[in-house]
Amino acid sequence: MRLLLALALFAIAGCDGISRKDVIIVDPAGISSLTRIDLGVAQAGARLSHPMRLRNSSVTDAHVAEFQPTCDCATILPSRLAVKAGSDQLCELVIDMRNEPNFTGELRIDVDGFDASGKTILALSASLDVRLDGYQISHADAQ
């Protein structure tokens, strides 16, 4: 029975285990909406990795030439990528708080993605509660 439940949850979340709330829209014509991601609670000084899916529903390929996060602690991997028209591309949001081990509180990181001309083609906002008594989230915790 547990196996059946696990398989059903796997099917609902998607083959790669990324929840539907972690799908970021990429629009080569220019972004019109912000995607919000709640990463829950994290341990102060932790390094987190959160998988995401970039979706391009348009008929034009999208090329993200640069990601600009509002915090030096955040990066998107890979740092450049192409999302073909009508398809998805996996990436990862990495938040490394090891350089600020005493930071606690609400952390919000906005990330814009730009094409080669400098046009914003994706926007996301990730938030998490950083605590001394927190724990490092896993992907299963974030869903």
N, C-alpha and C. Protein backbone atom coordinates (compact mmCIF):
# COMPACT_ATOMS: atom_id res chain seq x y z
N MET A 1 0.82 -1.20 0.00
CA MET A 1 0.00 0.00 0.00
C MET A 1 0.87 1.27 0.00
N ARG A 2 1.95 1.24 0.80
CA ARG A 2 2.84 2.41 0.84
C ARG A 2 3.48 2.65 -0.52
N LEU A 3 3.85 1.57 -1.20
CA LEU A 3 4.45 1.70 -2.51
C LEU A 3 3.47 2.34 -3.48
N LEU A 4 2.21 1.92 -3.43
CA LEU A 4 1.18 2.50 -4.29
C LEU A 4 1.01 3.99 -4.02
N LEU A 5 1.00 4.37 -2.75
CA LEU A 5 0.87 5.78 -2.39
C LEU A 5 2.08 6.57 -2.87
N ALA A 6 3.27 6.02 -2.70
CA ALA A 6 4.49 6.70 -3.16
C ALA A 6 4.47 6.88 -4.67
N LEU A 7 4.04 5.88 -5.41
CA LEU A 7 3.96 5.98 -6.86
C LEU A 7 2.94 7.03 -7.28
N ALA A 8 1.82 7.10 -6.58
CA ALA A 8 0.80 8.09 -6.91
C ALA A 8 1.33 9.50 -6.65
N LEU A 9 2.01 9.71 -5.53
CA LEU A 9 2.59 11.03 -5.24
C LEU A 9 3.65 11.40 -6.26
N PHE A 10 4.46 10.42 -6.69
CA PHE A 10 5.48 10.65 -7.70
C PHE A 10 4.84 11.08 -9.00
N ALA A 11 3.75 10.45 -9.38
CA ALA A 11 3.05 10.80 -10.62
C ALA A 11 2.44 12.20 -10.54
N ILE A 12 1.90 12.55 -9.37
CA ILE A 12 1.30 13.87 -9.21
C ILE A 12 2.37 14.96 -9.29
N ALA A 13 3.52 14.73 -8.64
CA ALA A 13 4.59 15.73 -8.62
C ALA A 13 5.28 15.84 -9.96
N GLY A 14 5.23 14.82 -10.78
CA GLY A 14 5.94 14.82 -12.05
C GLY A 14 7.10 13.86 -11.99
N CYS A 15 7.55 13.43 -13.12
CA CYS A 15 8.61 12.42 -13.18
C CYS A 15 9.88 12.86 -12.50
N ASP A 16 10.19 14.13 -12.53
CA ASP A 16 11.44 14.61 -11.95
C ASP A 16 11.28 15.00 -10.48
N GLY A 17 10.08 14.87 -9.92
CA GLY A 17 9.86 15.20 -8.52
C GLY A 17 9.69 16.68 -8.24
N ILE A 18 9.65 17.51 -9.26
CA ILE A 18 9.48 18.95 -9.08
C ILE A 18 7.99 19.25 -9.02
N SER A 19 7.58 19.94 -7.97
CA SER A 19 6.16 20.22 -7.83
C SER A 19 5.71 21.26 -8.84
N ARG A 20 4.42 21.30 -9.07
CA ARG A 20 3.86 22.25 -10.05
C ARG A 20 4.09 23.70 -9.64
N LYS A 21 4.22 23.96 -8.33
CA LYS A 21 4.43 25.33 -7.87
C LYS A 21 5.83 25.84 -8.19
N ASP A 22 6.73 24.95 -8.59
CA ASP A 22 8.11 25.34 -8.89
C ASP A 22 8.38 25.41 -10.38
N VAL A 23 7.32 25.67 -11.16
CA VAL A 23 7.46 25.87 -12.60
C VAL A 23 7.53 27.37 -12.85
N ILE A 24 8.64 27.81 -13.42
CA ILE A 24 8.88 29.22 -13.68
C ILE A 24 8.62 29.47 -15.16
N ILE A 25 7.80 30.45 -15.47
CA ILE A 25 7.46 30.77 -16.86
C ILE A 25 8.56 31.63 -17.48
N VAL A 26 9.03 31.20 -18.64
CA VAL A 26 10.00 31.96 -19.43
C VAL A 26 9.26 32.46 -20.66
N ASP A 27 9.32 33.76 -20.92
CA ASP A 27 8.61 34.33 -22.06
C ASP A 27 9.56 35.18 -22.90
N PRO A 28 9.93 34.69 -24.10
CA PRO A 28 10.85 35.44 -24.95
C PRO A 28 10.33 36.83 -25.32
N ALA A 29 9.02 37.05 -25.26
CA ALA A 29 8.44 38.35 -25.60
C ALA A 29 8.56 39.35 -24.44
N GLY A 30 8.95 38.86 -23.28
CA GLY A 30 9.04 39.71 -22.09
C GLY A 30 8.11 39.19 -21.02
N ILE A 31 8.57 39.17 -19.79
CA ILE A 31 7.82 38.55 -18.70
C ILE A 31 6.68 39.47 -18.25
N SER A 32 5.57 38.86 -17.93
CA SER A 32 4.42 39.63 -17.47
C SER A 32 3.98 39.22 -16.07
N SER A 33 4.63 38.20 -15.47
CA SER A 33 4.22 37.78 -14.14
C SER A 33 5.44 37.32 -13.33
N LEU A 34 5.28 37.36 -12.02
CA LEU A 34 6.31 36.95 -11.09
C LEU A 34 5.89 35.62 -10.47
N THR A 35 6.80 34.66 -10.45
CA THR A 35 6.53 33.38 -9.81
C THR A 35 7.09 33.42 -8.40
N ARG A 36 6.29 33.04 -7.43
CA ARG A 36 6.72 33.02 -6.03
C ARG A 36 6.95 31.58 -5.57
N ILE A 37 8.05 31.38 -4.85
CA ILE A 37 8.39 30.06 -4.31
C ILE A 37 8.63 30.20 -2.81
N ASP A 38 7.93 29.42 -2.02
CA ASP A 38 8.13 29.40 -0.57
C ASP A 38 9.00 28.19 -0.25
N LEU A 39 10.20 28.44 0.24
CA LEU A 39 11.13 27.36 0.54
C LEU A 39 11.03 26.87 1.99
N GLY A 40 10.11 27.42 2.76
CA GLY A 40 9.90 26.93 4.12
C GLY A 40 10.93 27.43 5.11
N VAL A 41 11.41 26.53 5.97
CA VAL A 41 12.33 26.86 7.05
C VAL A 41 13.69 26.26 6.73
N ALA A 42 14.76 27.02 7.04
CA ALA A 42 16.12 26.53 6.80
C ALA A 42 17.00 26.85 8.00
N GLN A 43 18.02 26.05 8.17
CA GLN A 43 19.01 26.24 9.23
C GLN A 43 19.93 27.41 8.87
N ALA A 44 20.20 28.28 9.82
CA ALA A 44 21.15 29.38 9.61
C ALA A 44 22.49 28.80 9.18
N GLY A 45 23.14 29.44 8.21
CA GLY A 45 24.44 29.00 7.74
C GLY A 45 24.42 27.81 6.79
N ALA A 46 23.24 27.39 6.35
CA ALA A 46 23.12 26.21 5.49
C ALA A 46 23.33 26.55 4.02
N ARG A 47 23.56 25.53 3.23
CA ARG A 47 23.58 25.64 1.77
C ARG A 47 22.41 24.81 1.26
N LEU A 48 21.49 25.45 0.54
CA LEU A 48 20.29 24.80 0.04
C LEU A 48 20.34 24.67 -1.46
N SER A 49 19.72 23.62 -1.95
CA SER A 49 19.60 23.43 -3.39
C SER A 49 18.14 23.09 -3.68
N HIS A 50 17.53 23.86 -4.57
CA HIS A 50 16.11 23.67 -4.86
C HIS A 50 15.90 23.54 -6.37
N PRO A 51 15.47 22.36 -6.86
CA PRO A 51 15.25 22.20 -8.29
C PRO A 51 14.00 22.94 -8.76
N MET A 52 14.07 23.43 -9.99
CA MET A 52 12.94 24.13 -10.61
C MET A 52 12.86 23.74 -12.08
N ARG A 53 11.71 24.00 -12.65
CA ARG A 53 11.50 23.75 -14.08
C ARG A 53 11.15 25.07 -14.74
N LEU A 54 11.91 25.44 -15.76
CA LEU A 54 11.58 26.62 -16.55
C LEU A 54 10.72 26.18 -17.71
N ARG A 55 9.60 26.83 -17.92
CA ARG A 55 8.66 26.44 -18.97
C ARG A 55 8.51 27.57 -19.98
N ASN A 56 8.68 27.21 -21.25
CA ASN A 56 8.48 28.16 -22.35
C ASN A 56 7.28 27.67 -23.15
N SER A 57 6.14 28.30 -22.94
CA SER A 57 4.91 27.92 -23.64
C SER A 57 4.73 28.65 -24.95
N SER A 58 5.68 29.48 -25.30
CA SER A 58 5.56 30.27 -26.53
C SER A 58 5.99 29.45 -27.75
N VAL A 59 5.93 30.07 -28.91
CA VAL A 59 6.36 29.42 -30.15
C VAL A 59 7.77 29.85 -30.55
N THR A 60 8.44 30.59 -29.66
CA THR A 60 9.79 31.08 -29.92
C THR A 60 10.74 30.54 -28.86
N ASP A 61 11.93 30.11 -29.26
CA ASP A 61 12.92 29.65 -28.30
C ASP A 61 13.31 30.81 -27.38
N ALA A 62 13.61 30.49 -26.13
CA ALA A 62 14.06 31.49 -25.15
C ALA A 62 15.49 31.16 -24.73
N HIS A 63 16.32 32.16 -24.67
CA HIS A 63 17.72 31.98 -24.27
C HIS A 63 17.99 32.89 -23.08
N VAL A 64 18.22 32.30 -21.90
CA VAL A 64 18.54 33.08 -20.72
C VAL A 64 20.06 33.27 -20.71
N ALA A 65 20.48 34.51 -20.95
CA ALA A 65 21.91 34.81 -21.01
C ALA A 65 22.48 35.12 -19.64
N GLU A 66 21.61 35.59 -18.73
CA GLU A 66 22.10 35.98 -17.40
C GLU A 66 20.96 35.93 -16.39
N PHE A 67 21.27 35.45 -15.20
CA PHE A 67 20.37 35.51 -14.05
C PHE A 67 20.94 36.54 -13.09
N GLN A 68 20.06 37.40 -12.54
CA GLN A 68 20.49 38.38 -11.55
C GLN A 68 19.68 38.23 -10.28
N PRO A 69 20.27 37.58 -9.26
CA PRO A 69 19.59 37.50 -7.96
C PRO A 69 19.87 38.75 -7.13
N THR A 70 18.98 39.06 -6.21
CA THR A 70 19.15 40.24 -5.35
C THR A 70 20.05 39.95 -4.16
N CYS A 71 20.50 38.72 -3.99
CA CYS A 71 21.39 38.36 -2.89
C CYS A 71 22.60 37.62 -3.45
N ASP A 72 23.78 38.00 -2.97
CA ASP A 72 25.00 37.31 -3.40
C ASP A 72 25.01 35.84 -2.99
N CYS A 73 24.15 35.47 -2.08
CA CYS A 73 24.09 34.08 -1.60
C CYS A 73 23.38 33.16 -2.59
N ALA A 74 22.77 33.69 -3.63
CA ALA A 74 21.95 32.89 -4.54
C ALA A 74 22.55 32.79 -5.93
N THR A 75 22.42 31.62 -6.52
CA THR A 75 22.79 31.39 -7.92
C THR A 75 21.79 30.44 -8.55
N ILE A 76 21.69 30.53 -9.86
CA ILE A 76 20.90 29.58 -10.64
C ILE A 76 21.89 28.77 -11.47
N LEU A 77 21.73 27.47 -11.44
CA LEU A 77 22.58 26.58 -12.23
C LEU A 77 21.74 25.81 -13.22
N PRO A 78 22.12 25.70 -14.46
CA PRO A 78 23.28 26.37 -15.05
C PRO A 78 23.05 27.88 -15.14
N SER A 79 24.13 28.64 -15.27
CA SER A 79 24.04 30.10 -15.25
C SER A 79 23.49 30.69 -16.54
N ARG A 80 23.52 29.91 -17.61
CA ARG A 80 22.90 30.29 -18.90
C ARG A 80 22.21 29.06 -19.43
N LEU A 81 21.08 29.28 -20.09
CA LEU A 81 20.41 28.12 -20.67
C LEU A 81 19.42 28.53 -21.74
N ALA A 82 19.08 27.55 -22.54
CA ALA A 82 18.09 27.74 -23.61
C ALA A 82 16.88 26.88 -23.30
N VAL A 83 15.71 27.46 -23.53
CA VAL A 83 14.46 26.71 -23.36
C VAL A 83 13.74 26.76 -24.70
N LYS A 84 13.70 25.63 -25.36
CA LYS A 84 13.07 25.57 -26.69
C LYS A 84 11.58 25.89 -26.59
N ALA A 85 11.04 26.38 -27.66
CA ALA A 85 9.61 26.70 -27.73
C ALA A 85 8.79 25.47 -27.36
N GLY A 86 7.81 25.67 -26.49
CA GLY A 86 6.91 24.59 -26.10
C GLY A 86 7.53 23.51 -25.23
N SER A 87 8.65 23.81 -24.56
CA SER A 87 9.28 22.78 -23.75
C SER A 87 9.71 23.32 -22.39
N ASP A 88 10.26 22.42 -21.58
CA ASP A 88 10.75 22.74 -20.25
C ASP A 88 12.25 22.51 -20.17
N GLN A 89 12.88 23.18 -19.22
CA GLN A 89 14.31 22.99 -18.95
C GLN A 89 14.49 22.99 -17.44
N LEU A 90 15.21 22.01 -16.92
CA LEU A 90 15.46 21.93 -15.49
C LEU A 90 16.62 22.83 -15.11
N CYS A 91 16.52 23.43 -13.92
CA CYS A 91 17.61 24.22 -13.37
C CYS A 91 17.52 24.10 -11.85
N GLU A 92 18.42 24.77 -11.18
CA GLU A 92 18.52 24.64 -9.74
C GLU A 92 18.79 26.00 -9.11
N LEU A 93 18.04 26.33 -8.07
CA LEU A 93 18.29 27.52 -7.28
C LEU A 93 19.15 27.09 -6.10
N VAL A 94 20.34 27.68 -5.98
CA VAL A 94 21.26 27.36 -4.89
C VAL A 94 21.36 28.59 -4.00
N ILE A 95 21.11 28.39 -2.70
CA ILE A 95 21.24 29.46 -1.71
C ILE A 95 22.29 29.00 -0.71
N ASP A 96 23.39 29.75 -0.67
CA ASP A 96 24.51 29.39 0.19
C ASP A 96 24.69 30.46 1.26
N MET A 97 24.27 30.14 2.48
CA MET A 97 24.33 31.10 3.59
C MET A 97 25.51 30.85 4.50
N ARG A 98 26.50 30.06 4.05
CA ARG A 98 27.65 29.73 4.90
C ARG A 98 28.51 30.95 5.21
N ASN A 99 28.49 31.99 4.35
CA ASN A 99 29.26 33.20 4.63
C ASN A 99 28.58 34.11 5.65
N GLU A 100 27.31 33.86 5.94
CA GLU A 100 26.54 34.64 6.93
C GLU A 100 25.88 33.67 7.92
N PRO A 101 26.68 32.92 8.70
CA PRO A 101 26.12 31.86 9.54
C PRO A 101 25.22 32.36 10.67
N ASN A 102 25.30 33.64 11.01
CA ASN A 102 24.50 34.18 12.10
C ASN A 102 23.22 34.87 11.63
N PHE A 103 23.00 34.92 10.30
CA PHE A 103 21.78 35.55 9.80
C PHE A 103 20.57 34.70 10.15
N THR A 104 19.57 35.33 10.72
CA THR A 104 18.29 34.67 10.97
C THR A 104 17.18 35.63 10.57
N GLY A 105 16.03 35.07 10.29
CA GLY A 105 14.88 35.88 9.93
C GLY A 105 14.36 35.51 8.55
N GLU A 106 13.50 36.36 8.05
CA GLU A 106 12.88 36.14 6.75
C GLU A 106 13.87 36.54 5.65
N LEU A 107 14.11 35.65 4.70
CA LEU A 107 15.00 35.95 3.58
C LEU A 107 14.18 35.84 2.30
N ARG A 108 14.19 36.92 1.52
CA ARG A 108 13.51 36.92 0.23
C ARG A 108 14.54 37.25 -0.83
N ILE A 109 14.58 36.41 -1.85
CA ILE A 109 15.53 36.59 -2.94
C ILE A 109 14.74 36.68 -4.23
N ASP A 110 14.89 37.80 -4.93
CA ASP A 110 14.27 37.96 -6.24
C ASP A 110 15.32 37.65 -7.29
N VAL A 111 14.91 36.96 -8.34
CA VAL A 111 15.82 36.62 -9.43
C VAL A 111 15.16 36.99 -10.75
N ASP A 112 15.87 37.78 -11.55
CA ASP A 112 15.42 38.09 -12.90
C ASP A 112 16.34 37.36 -13.88
N GLY A 113 15.75 36.90 -14.98
CA GLY A 113 16.52 36.29 -16.05
C GLY A 113 16.42 37.15 -17.29
N PHE A 114 17.56 37.39 -17.94
CA PHE A 114 17.61 38.29 -19.08
C PHE A 114 18.09 37.57 -20.33
N ASP A 115 17.57 37.98 -21.48
CA ASP A 115 18.09 37.46 -22.74
C ASP A 115 19.33 38.28 -23.12
N ALA A 116 19.94 37.98 -24.26
CA ALA A 116 21.18 38.64 -24.67
C ALA A 116 21.01 40.15 -24.90
N SER A 117 19.78 40.59 -25.20
CA SER A 117 19.55 42.01 -25.42
C SER A 117 19.28 42.77 -24.12
N GLY A 118 19.18 42.03 -23.00
CA GLY A 118 18.91 42.66 -21.71
C GLY A 118 17.45 42.69 -21.32
N LYS A 119 16.58 42.09 -22.14
CA LYS A 119 15.15 42.05 -21.83
C LYS A 119 14.88 40.99 -20.75
N THR A 120 14.05 41.34 -19.76
CA THR A 120 13.67 40.41 -18.71
C THR A 120 12.71 39.37 -19.28
N ILE A 121 13.11 38.10 -19.21
CA ILE A 121 12.25 37.04 -19.75
C ILE A 121 11.78 36.06 -18.67
N LEU A 122 12.22 36.24 -17.44
CA LEU A 122 11.66 35.49 -16.32
C LEU A 122 11.90 36.24 -15.03
N ALA A 123 11.01 36.03 -14.06
CA ALA A 123 11.14 36.67 -12.76
C ALA A 123 10.60 35.73 -11.70
N LEU A 124 11.37 35.55 -10.64
CA LEU A 124 10.90 34.72 -9.54
C LEU A 124 11.30 35.35 -8.22
N SER A 125 10.55 35.01 -7.19
CA SER A 125 10.82 35.49 -5.84
C SER A 125 10.77 34.28 -4.92
N ALA A 126 11.89 33.98 -4.28
CA ALA A 126 11.97 32.85 -3.35
C ALA A 126 12.07 33.39 -1.94
N SER A 127 11.35 32.77 -1.02
CA SER A 127 11.42 33.21 0.37
C SER A 127 11.63 32.00 1.28
N LEU A 128 12.31 32.24 2.39
CA LEU A 128 12.48 31.21 3.39
C LEU A 128 12.69 31.85 4.74
N ASP A 129 12.39 31.10 5.77
CA ASP A 129 12.55 31.53 7.15
C ASP A 129 13.82 30.88 7.67
N VAL A 130 14.84 31.69 7.97
CA VAL A 130 16.14 31.16 8.42
C VAL A 130 16.17 31.21 9.94
N ARG A 131 16.43 30.05 10.55
CA ARG A 131 16.42 29.95 12.01
C ARG A 131 17.66 29.23 12.51
N LEU A 132 18.05 29.57 13.74
CA LEU A 132 19.15 28.84 14.37
C LEU A 132 18.72 27.41 14.70
N ASP A 133 17.44 27.24 15.01
CA ASP A 133 16.93 25.90 15.32
C ASP A 133 16.22 25.28 14.13
N GLY A 134 16.44 25.84 12.94
CA GLY A 134 15.79 25.33 11.73
C GLY A 134 16.45 24.06 11.25
N TYR A 135 16.20 23.70 10.07
CA TYR A 135 16.79 22.52 9.46
C TYR A 135 16.97 22.81 8.00
N GLN A 136 17.89 22.10 7.38
CA GLN A 136 18.10 22.30 5.95
C GLN A 136 16.97 21.59 5.21
N ILE A 137 16.27 22.33 4.37
CA ILE A 137 15.16 21.74 3.65
C ILE A 137 15.66 20.80 2.57
N SER A 138 14.90 19.79 2.33
CA SER A 138 15.16 18.93 1.18
C SER A 138 14.05 19.22 0.19
N HIS A 139 14.17 18.69 -1.00
CA HIS A 139 13.13 18.95 -2.00
C HIS A 139 11.79 18.42 -1.50
N ALA A 140 11.78 17.28 -0.82
CA ALA A 140 10.53 16.71 -0.32
C ALA A 140 9.89 17.65 0.71
N ASP A 141 10.72 18.32 1.52
CA ASP A 141 10.18 19.26 2.50
C ASP A 141 9.57 20.47 1.83
N ALA A 142 10.12 20.88 0.69
CA ALA A 142 9.68 22.10 0.02
C ALA A 142 8.38 21.91 -0.74
N GLN A 143 7.95 20.70 -0.94
CA GLN A 143 6.73 20.48 -1.73
C GLN A 143 5.49 20.65 -0.93
